[in-house]
Amino acid sequence: MLKSKSLLILIVITTVFIIGYVIDAFQNKKVEKSSQIKQTNNLNLKPAYDNAYDYKYVPHADNGVSIALVSEDHSTVIGENNFSMSNKQQFYSTIAVINQTNRKRDYVLMPLVDYKQEEILIGEQTTNTYRFSLEAKQIAFIPFMLPKLNKGFHDIILALAPDPDDKNLDIQYRRQTELSHMMFKRLNIQVNKNDKMNVTYEKFDETSNDNGLSGVIVTKSKELKPWLIENINSENDIDYHLNIGNDLDKKSHFALISLLDWKQTPIKGDKHVLFGELNPNSSTTIKGVIKQNLVQEGTSNFTVIYIPLSDQQSNIKNADMDSEPSIRIALNKNLNQ
């Protein structure tokens, strides 16, 4: 985002706490695969719904959405983001989602495991796009279990999108989605050893960051003007530009991913994740392409997510480590025109 737009972050009314724990799927002993499946099936993964304000930790507000990871009995929230476990364990917790508006809303919850949208066991389903609805002032408690993770460091992001099927083509609506149409809960998990993730960062042609750009702005042309709506009436692929900036006095590292109708899609060539680094106070522009055959007839929603990465890839406690969504861009496809 640009520095002049930084106050838009205040639009997002989000309270994020976390408590998680690991369950030993193997009872600390060698067992057959069927034993693991049996124990997994015995977990209570049925979602529960309640009046949000029956819980003291729920913030009172008349707008927005809050997310939290909570204890299994729904009574406690703790602000911890970093966990360690053995490779014989699986991470299990419950995410709470609170609808603070005065109307019913739909939501989609997407798990990102090491920046890739992965199927997990969530709310009695195995899926990478968990859909649900909440009445006004209602809270949902949705249990989930991550798949077994390999040894090393893992970055987990639970991405939430309210009103996922809103196809509004009003320009003002699209502008207002900047920074405010998605929420994220992020946690780090170390399995067995304190290793960093094996990441190769791309380097780019850089210029001075005179516009004070921080994060990413998606544009249709080279002009630094946010891309809002694209009317598609040909069978050509859709070109766009990723404008990425670092306004810090130190080198920045990041991951970029894109979602088309809440499914991860290639962001550069055949890459589903773009890892990059920028020198202090610099910016760059990268060309992106959306393949025509991935876009459905009618209106689709397209979003790019900028994920800051720490040099240590751990201890994600600071606000500057929060993921940022681009504007929710409308791709309005009508080949019959």
C-alpha atoms as a PDB file:
ATOM      1  CA  MET A   1       0.000   0.000   0.000  1.00  0.00           C
ATOM      2  CA  LEU A   2       1.033   3.639  -0.297  1.00  0.00           C
ATOM      3  CA  LYS A   3       1.847   5.601   2.849  1.00  0.00           C
ATOM      4  CA  SER A   4      -1.012   7.979   2.055  1.00  0.00           C
ATOM      5  CA  LYS A   5      -3.393   5.039   2.242  1.00  0.00           C
ATOM      6  CA  SER A   6      -2.041   3.502   5.411  1.00  0.00           C
ATOM      7  CA  LEU A   7      -5.000   4.657   7.500  1.00  0.00           C
ATOM      8  CA  LEU A   8      -7.184   2.208   5.576  1.00  0.00           C
ATOM      9  CA  ILE A   9      -5.880  -0.476   7.872  1.00  0.00           C
ATOM     10  CA  LEU A  10      -8.112   1.025  10.549  1.00  0.00           C
ATOM     11  CA  ILE A  11     -11.122  -0.140   8.557  1.00  0.00           C
ATOM     12  CA  VAL A  12     -10.381  -3.687   9.557  1.00  0.00           C
ATOM     13  CA  ILE A  13     -11.915  -4.502  12.919  1.00  0.00           C
ATOM     14  CA  THR A  14      -9.996  -7.617  13.845  1.00  0.00           C
ATOM     15  CA  THR A  15      -9.067  -9.098  17.154  1.00  0.00           C
ATOM     16  CA  VAL A  16      -6.712 -12.012  16.861  1.00  0.00           C
ATOM     17  CA  PHE A  17      -5.667 -14.239  19.730  1.00  0.00           C
ATOM     18  CA  ILE A  18      -4.489 -17.784  19.700  1.00  0.00           C
ATOM     19  CA  ILE A  19      -4.301 -20.907  21.698  1.00  0.00           C
ATOM     20  CA  GLY A  20      -3.286 -24.164  20.104  1.00  0.00           C
ATOM     21  CA  TYR A  21      -1.955 -27.468  21.157  1.00  0.00           C
ATOM     22  CA  VAL A  22      -0.695 -30.614  19.527  1.00  0.00           C
ATOM     23  CA  ILE A  23      -2.215 -34.032  19.824  1.00  0.00           C
ATOM     24  CA  ASP A  24      -0.055 -37.104  19.630  1.00  0.00           C
ATOM     25  CA  ALA A  25      -1.596 -39.050  16.753  1.00  0.00           C
ATOM     26  CA  PHE A  26       0.721 -41.974  17.420  1.00  0.00           C
ATOM     27  CA  GLN A  27       0.554 -42.095  21.239  1.00  0.00           C
ATOM     28  CA  ASN A  28       4.383 -41.764  21.230  1.00  0.00           C
ATOM     29  CA  LYS A  29       4.786 -45.272  19.877  1.00  0.00           C
ATOM     30  CA  LYS A  30       4.913 -47.005  16.544  1.00  0.00           C
ATOM     31  CA  VAL A  31       1.441 -47.874  15.288  1.00  0.00           C
ATOM     32  CA  GLU A  32      -0.166 -48.841  12.040  1.00  0.00           C
ATOM     33  CA  LYS A  33      -1.702 -46.225   9.768  1.00  0.00           C
ATOM     34  CA  SER A  34      -5.181 -47.490  10.593  1.00  0.00           C
ATOM     35  CA  SER A  35      -4.653 -46.565  14.258  1.00  0.00           C
ATOM     36  CA  GLN A  36      -3.911 -42.994  13.258  1.00  0.00           C
ATOM     37  CA  ILE A  37      -7.041 -42.846  11.125  1.00  0.00           C
ATOM     38  CA  LYS A  38      -9.118 -44.241  13.967  1.00  0.00           C
ATOM     39  CA  GLN A  39      -7.860 -41.625  16.413  1.00  0.00           C
ATOM     40  CA  THR A  40      -8.433 -38.847  13.896  1.00  0.00           C
ATOM     41  CA  ASN A  41     -11.991 -40.033  13.357  1.00  0.00           C
ATOM     42  CA  ASN A  42     -12.594 -39.954  17.112  1.00  0.00           C
ATOM     43  CA  LEU A  43     -11.862 -36.230  17.299  1.00  0.00           C
ATOM     44  CA  ASN A  44     -14.834 -33.943  17.708  1.00  0.00           C
ATOM     45  CA  LEU A  45     -14.596 -31.777  14.588  1.00  0.00           C
ATOM     46  CA  LYS A  46     -18.224 -30.703  14.527  1.00  0.00           C
ATOM     47  CA  PRO A  47     -18.535 -26.888  14.425  1.00  0.00           C
ATOM     48  CA  ALA A  48     -20.558 -25.148  17.131  1.00  0.00           C
ATOM     49  CA  TYR A  49     -22.484 -21.861  17.006  1.00  0.00           C
ATOM     50  CA  ASP A  50     -23.452 -19.499  19.796  1.00  0.00           C
ATOM     51  CA  ASN A  51     -24.295 -15.934  20.780  1.00  0.00           C
ATOM     52  CA  ALA A  52     -21.007 -14.052  20.419  1.00  0.00           C
ATOM     53  CA  TYR A  53     -21.480 -11.816  23.445  1.00  0.00           C
ATOM     54  CA  ASP A  54     -21.856 -14.753  25.789  1.00  0.00           C
ATOM     55  CA  TYR A  55     -18.029 -14.867  25.707  1.00  0.00           C
ATOM     56  CA  LYS A  56     -16.108 -12.214  27.623  1.00  0.00           C
ATOM     57  CA  TYR A  57     -13.217 -12.136  25.154  1.00  0.00           C
ATOM     58  CA  VAL A  58     -15.417 -11.094  22.229  1.00  0.00           C
ATOM     59  CA  PRO A  59     -14.912  -7.394  21.373  1.00  0.00           C
ATOM     60  CA  HIS A  60     -18.096  -5.339  21.201  1.00  0.00           C
ATOM     61  CA  ALA A  61     -18.567  -3.687  17.825  1.00  0.00           C
ATOM     62  CA  ASP A  62     -21.270  -3.091  15.244  1.00  0.00           C
ATOM     63  CA  ASN A  63     -19.186  -3.841  12.207  1.00  0.00           C
ATOM     64  CA  GLY A  64     -16.491  -6.166  10.942  1.00  0.00           C
ATOM     65  CA  VAL A  65     -15.360  -9.652  11.824  1.00  0.00           C
ATOM     66  CA  SER A  66     -12.997 -11.043  14.437  1.00  0.00           C
ATOM     67  CA  ILE A  67     -11.053 -14.283  14.329  1.00  0.00           C
ATOM     68  CA  ALA A  68      -9.234 -16.192  17.027  1.00  0.00           C
ATOM     69  CA  LEU A  69      -7.856 -19.606  17.805  1.00  0.00           C
ATOM     70  CA  VAL A  70      -9.364 -20.766  21.077  1.00  0.00           C
ATOM     71  CA  SER A  71      -9.224 -23.643  23.516  1.00  0.00           C
ATOM     72  CA  GLU A  72     -11.262 -26.761  22.872  1.00  0.00           C
ATOM     73  CA  ASP A  73     -13.851 -25.767  25.474  1.00  0.00           C
ATOM     74  CA  HIS A  74     -14.098 -22.284  23.865  1.00  0.00           C
ATOM     75  CA  SER A  75     -13.316 -20.557  27.164  1.00  0.00           C
ATOM     76  CA  THR A  76      -9.826 -19.140  26.611  1.00  0.00           C
ATOM     77  CA  VAL A  77      -7.764 -17.210  24.104  1.00  0.00           C
ATOM     78  CA  ILE A  78      -3.990 -16.743  24.374  1.00  0.00           C
ATOM     79  CA  GLY A  79      -1.736 -14.589  22.213  1.00  0.00           C
ATOM     80  CA  GLU A  80       0.837 -17.208  21.236  1.00  0.00           C
ATOM     81  CA  ASN A  81       1.967 -17.739  17.649  1.00  0.00           C
ATOM     82  CA  ASN A  82       4.933 -20.118  17.836  1.00  0.00           C
ATOM     83  CA  PHE A  83       4.713 -23.837  18.547  1.00  0.00           C
ATOM     84  CA  SER A  84       7.044 -26.829  18.663  1.00  0.00           C
ATOM     85  CA  MET A  85       6.183 -30.477  18.306  1.00  0.00           C
ATOM     86  CA  SER A  86       7.606 -33.820  17.199  1.00  0.00           C
ATOM     87  CA  ASN A  87       7.031 -35.409  13.818  1.00  0.00           C
ATOM     88  CA  LYS A  88       4.777 -37.953  15.587  1.00  0.00           C
ATOM     89  CA  GLN A  89       2.268 -35.236  16.414  1.00  0.00           C
ATOM     90  CA  GLN A  90      -0.312 -33.242  14.514  1.00  0.00           C
ATOM     91  CA  PHE A  91      -1.487 -29.727  15.269  1.00  0.00           C
ATOM     92  CA  TYR A  92      -5.107 -29.464  16.397  1.00  0.00           C
ATOM     93  CA  SER A  93      -7.067 -26.416  17.543  1.00  0.00           C
ATOM     94  CA  THR A  94     -10.315 -24.498  17.098  1.00  0.00           C
ATOM     95  CA  ILE A  95     -10.760 -21.258  15.222  1.00  0.00           C
ATOM     96  CA  ALA A  96     -13.484 -18.867  16.334  1.00  0.00           C
ATOM     97  CA  VAL A  97     -15.065 -16.518  13.808  1.00  0.00           C
ATOM     98  CA  ILE A  98     -17.293 -13.701  15.038  1.00  0.00           C
ATOM     99  CA  ASN A  99     -19.808 -11.845  12.895  1.00  0.00           C
ATOM    100  CA  GLN A 100     -20.012  -8.401  14.497  1.00  0.00           C
ATOM    101  CA  THR A 101     -22.371  -6.955  11.912  1.00  0.00           C
ATOM    102  CA  ASN A 102     -26.150  -6.680  12.187  1.00  0.00           C
ATOM    103  CA  ARG A 103     -26.793  -8.955   9.212  1.00  0.00           C
ATOM    104  CA  LYS A 104     -26.219 -12.540   8.176  1.00  0.00           C
ATOM    105  CA  ARG A 105     -22.905 -13.064   6.358  1.00  0.00           C
ATOM    106  CA  ASP A 106     -21.228 -15.820   4.398  1.00  0.00           C
ATOM    107  CA  TYR A 107     -17.542 -16.694   4.814  1.00  0.00           C
ATOM    108  CA  VAL A 108     -14.866 -18.854   3.274  1.00  0.00           C
ATOM    109  CA  LEU A 109     -11.855 -20.054   5.296  1.00  0.00           C
ATOM    110  CA  MET A 110      -8.703 -21.069   3.402  1.00  0.00           C
ATOM    111  CA  PRO A 111      -5.746 -22.858   5.013  1.00  0.00           C
ATOM    112  CA  LEU A 112      -2.306 -21.997   3.640  1.00  0.00           C
ATOM    113  CA  VAL A 113       0.426 -24.450   4.622  1.00  0.00           C
ATOM    114  CA  ASP A 114       3.841 -23.004   3.742  1.00  0.00           C
ATOM    115  CA  TYR A 115       2.083 -20.491   1.444  1.00  0.00           C
ATOM    116  CA  LYS A 116       0.184 -23.129  -0.533  1.00  0.00           C
ATOM    117  CA  GLN A 117      -3.538 -23.735  -0.252  1.00  0.00           C
ATOM    118  CA  GLU A 118      -3.832 -27.227   1.173  1.00  0.00           C
ATOM    119  CA  GLU A 119      -6.678 -29.505   2.146  1.00  0.00           C
ATOM    120  CA  ILE A 120      -6.958 -30.008   5.884  1.00  0.00           C
ATOM    121  CA  LEU A 121      -9.466 -31.663   8.181  1.00  0.00           C
ATOM    122  CA  ILE A 122     -11.772 -28.831   9.235  1.00  0.00           C
ATOM    123  CA  GLY A 123     -15.318 -28.787  10.553  1.00  0.00           C
ATOM    124  CA  GLU A 124     -15.925 -32.459   9.643  1.00  0.00           C
ATOM    125  CA  GLN A 125     -14.714 -31.845   6.090  1.00  0.00           C
ATOM    126  CA  THR A 126     -11.460 -32.344   4.227  1.00  0.00           C
ATOM    127  CA  THR A 127     -11.194 -29.206   2.132  1.00  0.00           C
ATOM    128  CA  ASN A 128      -9.093 -26.175   1.227  1.00  0.00           C
ATOM    129  CA  THR A 129     -12.095 -23.813   1.062  1.00  0.00           C
ATOM    130  CA  TYR A 130     -14.365 -24.188   4.065  1.00  0.00           C
ATOM    131  CA  ARG A 131     -17.635 -22.282   3.601  1.00  0.00           C
ATOM    132  CA  PHE A 132     -20.091 -21.343   6.336  1.00  0.00           C
ATOM    133  CA  SER A 133     -22.590 -18.649   7.346  1.00  0.00           C
ATOM    134  CA  LEU A 134     -23.174 -16.675  10.536  1.00  0.00           C
ATOM    135  CA  GLU A 135     -26.209 -14.806  11.767  1.00  0.00           C
ATOM    136  CA  ALA A 136     -25.783 -11.285  13.177  1.00  0.00           C
ATOM    137  CA  LYS A 137     -23.649 -11.240  16.385  1.00  0.00           C
ATOM    138  CA  GLN A 138     -23.044 -14.977  16.123  1.00  0.00           C
ATOM    139  CA  ILE A 139     -19.798 -16.838  16.812  1.00  0.00           C
ATOM    140  CA  ALA A 140     -18.672 -20.073  15.159  1.00  0.00           C
ATOM    141  CA  PHE A 141     -16.204 -22.503  16.734  1.00  0.00           C
ATOM    142  CA  ILE A 142     -14.629 -24.563  13.978  1.00  0.00           C
ATOM    143  CA  PRO A 143     -12.201 -27.351  14.984  1.00  0.00           C
ATOM    144  CA  PHE A 144      -9.433 -28.252  12.558  1.00  0.00           C
ATOM    145  CA  MET A 145      -6.404 -30.507  12.282  1.00  0.00           C
ATOM    146  CA  LEU A 146      -3.362 -29.917  10.102  1.00  0.00           C
ATOM    147  CA  PRO A 147      -1.893 -32.773   8.103  1.00  0.00           C
ATOM    148  CA  LYS A 148       1.248 -34.440   9.376  1.00  0.00           C
ATOM    149  CA  LEU A 149       4.137 -32.024   8.805  1.00  0.00           C
ATOM    150  CA  ASN A 150       7.687 -32.884   7.798  1.00  0.00           C
ATOM    151  CA  LYS A 151      10.607 -32.051  10.063  1.00  0.00           C
ATOM    152  CA  GLY A 152      11.607 -28.387  10.084  1.00  0.00           C
ATOM    153  CA  PHE A 153       9.915 -24.987  10.044  1.00  0.00           C
ATOM    154  CA  HIS A 154       6.337 -24.432   8.820  1.00  0.00           C
ATOM    155  CA  ASP A 155       4.397 -21.210   8.287  1.00  0.00           C
ATOM    156  CA  ILE A 156       0.625 -21.652   8.638  1.00  0.00           C
ATOM    157  CA  ILE A 157      -1.918 -19.007   7.645  1.00  0.00           C
ATOM    158  CA  LEU A 158      -5.678 -19.262   8.065  1.00  0.00           C
ATOM    159  CA  ALA A 159      -7.159 -16.783   5.574  1.00  0.00           C
ATOM    160  CA  LEU A 160     -10.771 -15.649   6.014  1.00  0.00           C
ATOM    161  CA  ALA A 161     -12.852 -13.856   3.372  1.00  0.00           C
ATOM    162  CA  PRO A 162     -16.278 -12.443   4.331  1.00  0.00           C
ATOM    163  CA  ASP A 163     -18.926 -12.206   1.591  1.00  0.00           C
ATOM    164  CA  PRO A 164     -16.846 -14.350  -0.795  1.00  0.00           C
ATOM    165  CA  ASP A 165     -19.496 -14.431  -3.523  1.00  0.00           C
ATOM    166  CA  ASP A 166     -20.124 -10.676  -3.637  1.00  0.00           C
ATOM    167  CA  LYS A 167     -19.933  -9.793  -7.359  1.00  0.00           C
ATOM    168  CA  ASN A 168     -20.635  -6.075  -6.894  1.00  0.00           C
ATOM    169  CA  LEU A 169     -19.210  -4.077  -9.823  1.00  0.00           C
ATOM    170  CA  ASP A 170     -19.524  -0.706  -8.118  1.00  0.00           C
ATOM    171  CA  ILE A 171     -16.158   1.078  -8.313  1.00  0.00           C
ATOM    172  CA  GLN A 172     -16.465   2.522  -4.814  1.00  0.00           C
ATOM    173  CA  TYR A 173     -17.134  -0.932  -3.367  1.00  0.00           C
ATOM    174  CA  ARG A 174     -14.007  -2.252  -5.049  1.00  0.00           C
ATOM    175  CA  ARG A 175     -11.892   0.626  -3.724  1.00  0.00           C
ATOM    176  CA  GLN A 176     -13.120   0.021  -0.179  1.00  0.00           C
ATOM    177  CA  THR A 177     -11.922  -3.582  -0.238  1.00  0.00           C
ATOM    178  CA  GLU A 178      -8.287  -2.449  -0.005  1.00  0.00           C
ATOM    179  CA  LEU A 179      -6.759  -4.056   3.112  1.00  0.00           C
ATOM    180  CA  SER A 180     -10.219  -4.712   4.536  1.00  0.00           C
ATOM    181  CA  HIS A 181     -11.775  -7.696   2.776  1.00  0.00           C
ATOM    182  CA  MET A 182      -9.690 -10.484   4.289  1.00  0.00           C
ATOM    183  CA  MET A 183      -8.415 -11.432   7.760  1.00  0.00           C
ATOM    184  CA  PHE A 184      -5.517 -13.710   8.616  1.00  0.00           C
ATOM    185  CA  LYS A 185      -4.335 -15.799  11.543  1.00  0.00           C
ATOM    186  CA  ARG A 186      -0.716 -16.845  11.257  1.00  0.00           C
ATOM    187  CA  LEU A 187       1.312 -19.295  13.297  1.00  0.00           C
ATOM    188  CA  ASN A 188       4.720 -20.943  13.073  1.00  0.00           C
ATOM    189  CA  ILE A 189       5.306 -24.603  13.852  1.00  0.00           C
ATOM    190  CA  GLN A 190       8.730 -26.163  14.385  1.00  0.00           C
ATOM    191  CA  VAL A 191       8.770 -29.933  13.930  1.00  0.00           C
ATOM    192  CA  ASN A 192      11.631 -31.705  15.713  1.00  0.00           C
ATOM    193  CA  LYS A 193      14.350 -29.172  14.923  1.00  0.00           C
ATOM    194  CA  ASN A 194      14.868 -25.453  14.651  1.00  0.00           C
ATOM    195  CA  ASP A 195      15.537 -25.238  10.928  1.00  0.00           C
ATOM    196  CA  LYS A 196      14.682 -22.430   8.561  1.00  0.00           C
ATOM    197  CA  MET A 197      12.509 -23.106   5.546  1.00  0.00           C
ATOM    198  CA  ASN A 198      14.513 -23.767   2.386  1.00  0.00           C
ATOM    199  CA  VAL A 199      13.528 -20.729   0.295  1.00  0.00           C
ATOM    200  CA  THR A 200      15.225 -19.236  -2.753  1.00  0.00           C
ATOM    201  CA  TYR A 201      14.402 -15.544  -3.061  1.00  0.00           C
ATOM    202  CA  GLU A 202      14.133 -13.934  -6.475  1.00  0.00           C
ATOM    203  CA  LYS A 203      15.883 -10.632  -7.050  1.00  0.00           C
ATOM    204  CA  PHE A 204      14.411  -7.981  -9.286  1.00  0.00           C
ATOM    205  CA  ASP A 205      15.338  -4.838 -11.159  1.00  0.00           C
ATOM    206  CA  GLU A 206      14.783  -2.184  -8.502  1.00  0.00           C
ATOM    207  CA  THR A 207      14.181   1.538  -8.439  1.00  0.00           C
ATOM    208  CA  SER A 208      14.072   4.046  -5.606  1.00  0.00           C
ATOM    209  CA  ASN A 209      10.826   3.808  -3.650  1.00  0.00           C
ATOM    210  CA  ASP A 210       9.895   7.469  -4.134  1.00  0.00           C
ATOM    211  CA  ASN A 211       6.150   6.723  -3.781  1.00  0.00           C
ATOM    212  CA  GLY A 212       6.574   5.215  -0.328  1.00  0.00           C
ATOM    213  CA  LEU A 213       5.057   1.936  -1.474  1.00  0.00           C
ATOM    214  CA  SER A 214       4.820  -0.764   1.179  1.00  0.00           C
ATOM    215  CA  GLY A 215       3.616  -4.232   0.232  1.00  0.00           C
ATOM    216  CA  VAL A 216       1.878  -4.694  -3.115  1.00  0.00           C
ATOM    217  CA  ILE A 217      -0.472  -2.768  -5.394  1.00  0.00           C
ATOM    218  CA  VAL A 218      -1.952  -4.617  -8.375  1.00  0.00           C
ATOM    219  CA  THR A 219      -2.354  -2.438 -11.465  1.00  0.00           C
ATOM    220  CA  LYS A 220      -3.482  -3.021 -15.014  1.00  0.00           C
ATOM    221  CA  SER A 221      -0.837  -0.736 -16.528  1.00  0.00           C
ATOM    222  CA  LYS A 222       2.535   0.615 -15.408  1.00  0.00           C
ATOM    223  CA  GLU A 223       0.743   3.594 -13.863  1.00  0.00           C
ATOM    224  CA  LEU A 224       0.481   3.202 -10.069  1.00  0.00           C
ATOM    225  CA  LYS A 225      -3.312   3.174 -10.127  1.00  0.00           C
ATOM    226  CA  PRO A 226      -5.099   0.238  -8.419  1.00  0.00           C
ATOM    227  CA  TRP A 227      -6.793  -2.228 -10.745  1.00  0.00           C
ATOM    228  CA  LEU A 228     -10.469  -2.452  -9.807  1.00  0.00           C
ATOM    229  CA  ILE A 229     -12.545  -4.000 -12.599  1.00  0.00           C
ATOM    230  CA  GLU A 230     -11.665  -5.742 -15.843  1.00  0.00           C
ATOM    231  CA  ASN A 231     -14.276  -6.365 -18.532  1.00  0.00           C
ATOM    232  CA  ILE A 232     -13.219  -9.398 -20.550  1.00  0.00           C
ATOM    233  CA  ASN A 233     -14.715  -9.882 -24.003  1.00  0.00           C
ATOM    234  CA  SER A 234     -11.878 -11.675 -25.787  1.00  0.00           C
ATOM    235  CA  GLU A 235     -10.128 -15.010 -25.350  1.00  0.00           C
ATOM    236  CA  ASN A 236      -6.756 -13.419 -24.616  1.00  0.00           C
ATOM    237  CA  ASP A 237      -4.988 -13.998 -21.316  1.00  0.00           C
ATOM    238  CA  ILE A 238      -5.251 -11.127 -18.820  1.00  0.00           C
ATOM    239  CA  ASP A 239      -2.043  -9.169 -18.186  1.00  0.00           C
ATOM    240  CA  TYR A 240      -1.440  -7.080 -15.080  1.00  0.00           C
ATOM    241  CA  HIS A 241       1.404  -5.641 -12.970  1.00  0.00           C
ATOM    242  CA  LEU A 242       2.547  -6.377  -9.419  1.00  0.00           C
ATOM    243  CA  ASN A 243       4.043  -3.242  -7.882  1.00  0.00           C
ATOM    244  CA  ILE A 244       6.004  -4.175  -4.768  1.00  0.00           C
ATOM    245  CA  GLY A 245       7.690  -1.755  -2.380  1.00  0.00           C
ATOM    246  CA  ASN A 246       9.926  -1.788   0.679  1.00  0.00           C
ATOM    247  CA  ASP A 247       9.766   1.454   2.696  1.00  0.00           C
ATOM    248  CA  LEU A 248      12.041   0.157   5.468  1.00  0.00           C
ATOM    249  CA  ASP A 249      15.703   0.896   6.118  1.00  0.00           C
ATOM    250  CA  LYS A 250      16.484  -2.811   5.939  1.00  0.00           C
ATOM    251  CA  LYS A 251      16.126  -5.530   3.325  1.00  0.00           C
ATOM    252  CA  SER A 252      12.666  -7.088   3.102  1.00  0.00           C
ATOM    253  CA  HIS A 253      11.642 -10.635   2.198  1.00  0.00           C
ATOM    254  CA  PHE A 254       8.167 -11.654   1.120  1.00  0.00           C
ATOM    255  CA  ALA A 255       5.935 -14.255  -0.498  1.00  0.00           C
ATOM    256  CA  LEU A 256       3.209 -13.399  -3.006  1.00  0.00           C
ATOM    257  CA  ILE A 257       0.251 -15.606  -3.832  1.00  0.00           C
ATOM    258  CA  SER A 258      -2.941 -15.034  -5.817  1.00  0.00           C
ATOM    259  CA  LEU A 259      -6.497 -16.299  -5.394  1.00  0.00           C
ATOM    260  CA  LEU A 260      -9.067 -16.518  -8.169  1.00  0.00           C
ATOM    261  CA  ASP A 261     -12.516 -17.143  -6.712  1.00  0.00           C
ATOM    262  CA  TRP A 262     -10.709 -18.262  -3.538  1.00  0.00           C
ATOM    263  CA  LYS A 263      -8.588 -20.920  -5.254  1.00  0.00           C
ATOM    264  CA  GLN A 264      -4.838 -20.432  -5.463  1.00  0.00           C
ATOM    265  CA  THR A 265      -3.704 -19.783  -9.017  1.00  0.00           C
ATOM    266  CA  PRO A 266      -0.228 -19.318 -10.578  1.00  0.00           C
ATOM    267  CA  ILE A 267       1.146 -15.852  -9.918  1.00  0.00           C
ATOM    268  CA  LYS A 268       4.192 -15.905 -12.199  1.00  0.00           C
ATOM    269  CA  GLY A 269       4.545 -18.472 -14.943  1.00  0.00           C
ATOM    270  CA  ASP A 270       3.648 -21.797 -13.353  1.00  0.00           C
ATOM    271  CA  LYS A 271       4.694 -20.674  -9.854  1.00  0.00           C
ATOM    272  CA  HIS A 272       1.960 -20.682  -7.218  1.00  0.00           C
ATOM    273  CA  VAL A 273       4.218 -18.829  -4.765  1.00  0.00           C
ATOM    274  CA  LEU A 274       6.655 -16.028  -5.614  1.00  0.00           C
ATOM    275  CA  PHE A 275       9.413 -15.514  -3.047  1.00  0.00           C
ATOM    276  CA  GLY A 276      11.263 -12.213  -3.358  1.00  0.00           C
ATOM    277  CA  GLU A 277      13.555  -9.752  -1.639  1.00  0.00           C
ATOM    278  CA  LEU A 278      13.941  -5.998  -1.944  1.00  0.00           C
ATOM    279  CA  ASN A 279      16.739  -3.746  -0.791  1.00  0.00           C
ATOM    280  CA  PRO A 280      15.987  -0.912   1.668  1.00  0.00           C
ATOM    281  CA  ASN A 281      13.703   1.844   0.342  1.00  0.00           C
ATOM    282  CA  SER A 282      13.325   0.273  -3.081  1.00  0.00           C
ATOM    283  CA  SER A 283      10.507  -0.933  -5.310  1.00  0.00           C
ATOM    284  CA  THR A 284       9.956  -3.113  -8.349  1.00  0.00           C
ATOM    285  CA  THR A 285       7.297  -4.020 -10.898  1.00  0.00           C
ATOM    286  CA  ILE A 286       6.637  -7.578 -12.057  1.00  0.00           C
ATOM    287  CA  LYS A 287       4.350  -8.659 -14.864  1.00  0.00           C
ATOM    288  CA  GLY A 288       1.601 -11.118 -14.026  1.00  0.00           C
ATOM    289  CA  VAL A 289      -0.771 -13.124 -16.218  1.00  0.00           C
ATOM    290  CA  ILE A 290      -4.127 -14.779 -15.524  1.00  0.00           C
ATOM    291  CA  LYS A 291      -4.832 -17.596 -17.948  1.00  0.00           C
ATOM    292  CA  GLN A 292      -8.096 -17.065 -19.779  1.00  0.00           C
ATOM    293  CA  ASN A 293      -9.241 -20.664 -19.255  1.00  0.00           C
ATOM    294  CA  LEU A 294      -9.116 -20.209 -15.461  1.00  0.00           C
ATOM    295  CA  VAL A 295     -11.694 -17.387 -15.504  1.00  0.00           C
ATOM    296  CA  GLN A 296     -15.341 -18.430 -15.425  1.00  0.00           C
ATOM    297  CA  GLU A 297     -18.069 -16.732 -17.433  1.00  0.00           C
ATOM    298  CA  GLY A 298     -19.641 -13.948 -15.373  1.00  0.00           C
ATOM    299  CA  THR A 299     -17.929 -12.090 -12.530  1.00  0.00           C
ATOM    300  CA  SER A 300     -14.968 -13.552 -10.648  1.00  0.00           C
ATOM    301  CA  ASN A 301     -12.986 -12.139  -7.713  1.00  0.00           C
ATOM    302  CA  PHE A 302      -9.191 -11.934  -7.937  1.00  0.00           C
ATOM    303  CA  THR A 303      -6.897 -11.060  -5.022  1.00  0.00           C
ATOM    304  CA  VAL A 304      -3.126 -10.992  -4.501  1.00  0.00           C
ATOM    305  CA  ILE A 305      -1.791 -11.521  -0.966  1.00  0.00           C
ATOM    306  CA  TYR A 306       1.519 -10.050   0.214  1.00  0.00           C
ATOM    307  CA  ILE A 307       3.063 -12.096   3.040  1.00  0.00           C
ATOM    308  CA  PRO A 308       6.054 -10.523   4.845  1.00  0.00           C
ATOM    309  CA  LEU A 309       8.754 -13.005   5.779  1.00  0.00           C
ATOM    310  CA  SER A 310      11.125 -12.636   8.704  1.00  0.00           C
ATOM    311  CA  ASP A 311      14.839 -13.261   8.332  1.00  0.00           C
ATOM    312  CA  GLN A 312      14.464 -15.747  11.175  1.00  0.00           C
ATOM    313  CA  GLN A 313      11.134 -17.089   9.864  1.00  0.00           C
ATOM    314  CA  SER A 314       9.814 -17.280  13.413  1.00  0.00           C
ATOM    315  CA  ASN A 315       8.514 -15.153  16.287  1.00  0.00           C
ATOM    316  CA  ILE A 316       5.702 -13.607  14.268  1.00  0.00           C
ATOM    317  CA  LYS A 317       4.501 -11.186  16.934  1.00  0.00           C
ATOM    318  CA  ASN A 318       4.870  -7.806  15.236  1.00  0.00           C
ATOM    319  CA  ALA A 319       2.223  -5.989  13.216  1.00  0.00           C
ATOM    320  CA  ASP A 320       4.650  -5.629  10.321  1.00  0.00           C
ATOM    321  CA  MET A 321       4.453  -9.400   9.850  1.00  0.00           C
ATOM    322  CA  ASP A 322       0.732  -9.274   9.037  1.00  0.00           C
ATOM    323  CA  SER A 323      -0.339 -10.447   5.592  1.00  0.00           C
ATOM    324  CA  GLU A 324      -1.958  -7.869   3.308  1.00  0.00           C
ATOM    325  CA  PRO A 325      -4.564  -8.491   0.600  1.00  0.00           C
ATOM    326  CA  SER A 326      -4.782  -6.383  -2.520  1.00  0.00           C
ATOM    327  CA  ILE A 327      -8.065  -4.886  -3.617  1.00  0.00           C
ATOM    328  CA  ARG A 328     -10.684  -7.510  -4.489  1.00  0.00           C
ATOM    329  CA  ILE A 329     -10.500  -7.139  -8.258  1.00  0.00           C
ATOM    330  CA  ALA A 330     -13.548  -7.955 -10.386  1.00  0.00           C
ATOM    331  CA  LEU A 331     -12.983  -9.934 -13.592  1.00  0.00           C
ATOM    332  CA  ASN A 332     -16.207  -9.550 -15.554  1.00  0.00           C
ATOM    333  CA  LYS A 333     -16.132 -12.070 -18.397  1.00  0.00           C
ATOM    334  CA  ASN A 334     -18.686 -11.991 -21.191  1.00  0.00           C
ATOM    335  CA  LEU A 335     -17.455 -13.520 -24.455  1.00  0.00           C
ATOM    336  CA  ASN A 336     -20.877 -13.134 -26.082  1.00  0.00           C
ATOM    337  CA  GLN A 337     -20.562  -9.356 -26.402  1.00  0.00           C
END
